[in-house]
């Protein structure tokens, strides 16, 4: 096989893989996955385990900061729970 055919075959494979990931994410959103999952399924196919763990830790830290900030504002407000 010549080089052009190999490049074209690889490009087609990449496009098909991206379409499959998009369809997987669309189904995930339709079934309510965005409510219960932190990331769509394609995220786990396109990132290594170390990257997933690092990004998850960063997201959880950001969420914890938001929760703490909301609790502080609520404690300072004139209308407690």
Protein backbone atom coordinates (compact mmCIF):
# COMPACT_ATOMS: atom_id res chain seq x y z
CA UNK A 1 0.00 0.00 0.00
CA UNK A 2 1.33 3.40 -0.79
CA UNK A 3 1.70 6.17 1.78
CA UNK A 4 -1.31 8.17 0.58
CA UNK A 5 -3.61 5.17 0.98
CA UNK A 6 -2.29 4.51 4.50
CA UNK A 7 -2.83 8.14 5.51
CA UNK A 8 -6.34 8.14 4.05
CA UNK A 9 -7.21 4.87 5.79
CA UNK A 10 -5.97 6.22 9.13
CA UNK A 11 -7.92 9.47 8.64
CA UNK A 12 -11.12 7.56 7.87
CA UNK A 13 -10.58 5.39 10.95
CA UNK A 14 -10.14 8.50 13.13
CA UNK A 15 -13.29 10.09 11.72
CA UNK A 16 -15.32 6.91 12.32
CA UNK A 17 -13.97 6.67 15.87
CA UNK A 18 -14.94 10.31 16.60
CA UNK A 19 -18.43 9.70 15.21
CA UNK A 20 -18.78 6.63 17.43
CA UNK A 21 -17.70 8.68 20.48
CA UNK A 22 -20.18 11.44 19.61
CA UNK A 23 -23.02 8.93 19.28
CA UNK A 24 -22.04 7.39 22.61
CA UNK A 25 -22.08 10.83 24.29
CA UNK A 26 -25.41 11.73 22.70
CA UNK A 27 -27.00 8.54 24.02
CA UNK A 28 -25.48 9.26 27.44
CA UNK A 29 -27.03 12.75 27.48
CA UNK A 30 -30.42 11.46 26.27
CA UNK A 31 -30.51 8.89 29.06
CA UNK A 32 -29.72 11.53 31.69
CA UNK A 33 -26.04 10.75 32.15
CA UNK A 34 -25.11 14.38 32.60
CA UNK A 35 -26.98 14.34 35.92
CA UNK A 36 -25.09 11.39 37.37
CA UNK A 37 -21.73 11.26 35.63
CA UNK A 38 -18.87 13.66 35.94
CA UNK A 39 -17.67 13.21 32.38
CA UNK A 40 -19.20 11.78 29.20
CA UNK A 41 -18.08 8.31 28.05
CA UNK A 42 -15.83 9.71 25.31
CA UNK A 43 -13.71 11.38 27.99
CA UNK A 44 -12.69 7.97 29.33
CA UNK A 45 -11.76 6.74 25.86
CA UNK A 46 -9.61 9.75 25.04
CA UNK A 47 -7.69 10.23 28.31
CA UNK A 48 -5.28 8.04 30.23
CA UNK A 49 -6.10 6.84 33.73
CA UNK A 50 -3.58 9.27 35.25
CA UNK A 51 -5.16 12.19 33.39
CA UNK A 52 -8.63 11.09 34.48
CA UNK A 53 -7.56 10.91 38.12
CA UNK A 54 -5.84 14.31 37.97
CA UNK A 55 -8.74 16.05 36.25
CA UNK A 56 -11.27 14.42 38.58
CA UNK A 57 -9.30 15.60 41.62
CA UNK A 58 -9.15 19.15 40.20
CA UNK A 59 -12.91 19.16 39.54
CA UNK A 60 -13.69 17.81 43.01
CA UNK A 61 -11.48 20.47 44.59
CA UNK A 62 -13.29 23.18 42.63
CA UNK A 63 -16.67 21.79 43.68
CA UNK A 64 -15.60 21.65 47.33
CA UNK A 65 -14.48 25.29 47.17
CA UNK A 66 -17.88 26.28 45.74
CA UNK A 67 -19.70 24.36 48.48
CA UNK A 68 -17.59 25.99 51.16
CA UNK A 69 -18.19 29.44 49.69
CA UNK A 70 -21.96 28.86 49.55
CA UNK A 71 -22.00 27.66 53.17
CA UNK A 72 -20.04 30.73 54.27
CA UNK A 73 -22.41 33.06 52.44
CA UNK A 74 -25.40 31.28 53.91
CA UNK A 75 -23.95 31.55 57.43
CA UNK A 76 -23.36 35.30 56.94
CA UNK A 77 -26.81 35.96 55.50
CA UNK A 78 -29.75 37.27 57.49
CA UNK A 79 -31.86 34.27 56.42
CA UNK A 80 -30.32 31.06 57.77
CA UNK A 81 -31.84 27.67 56.97
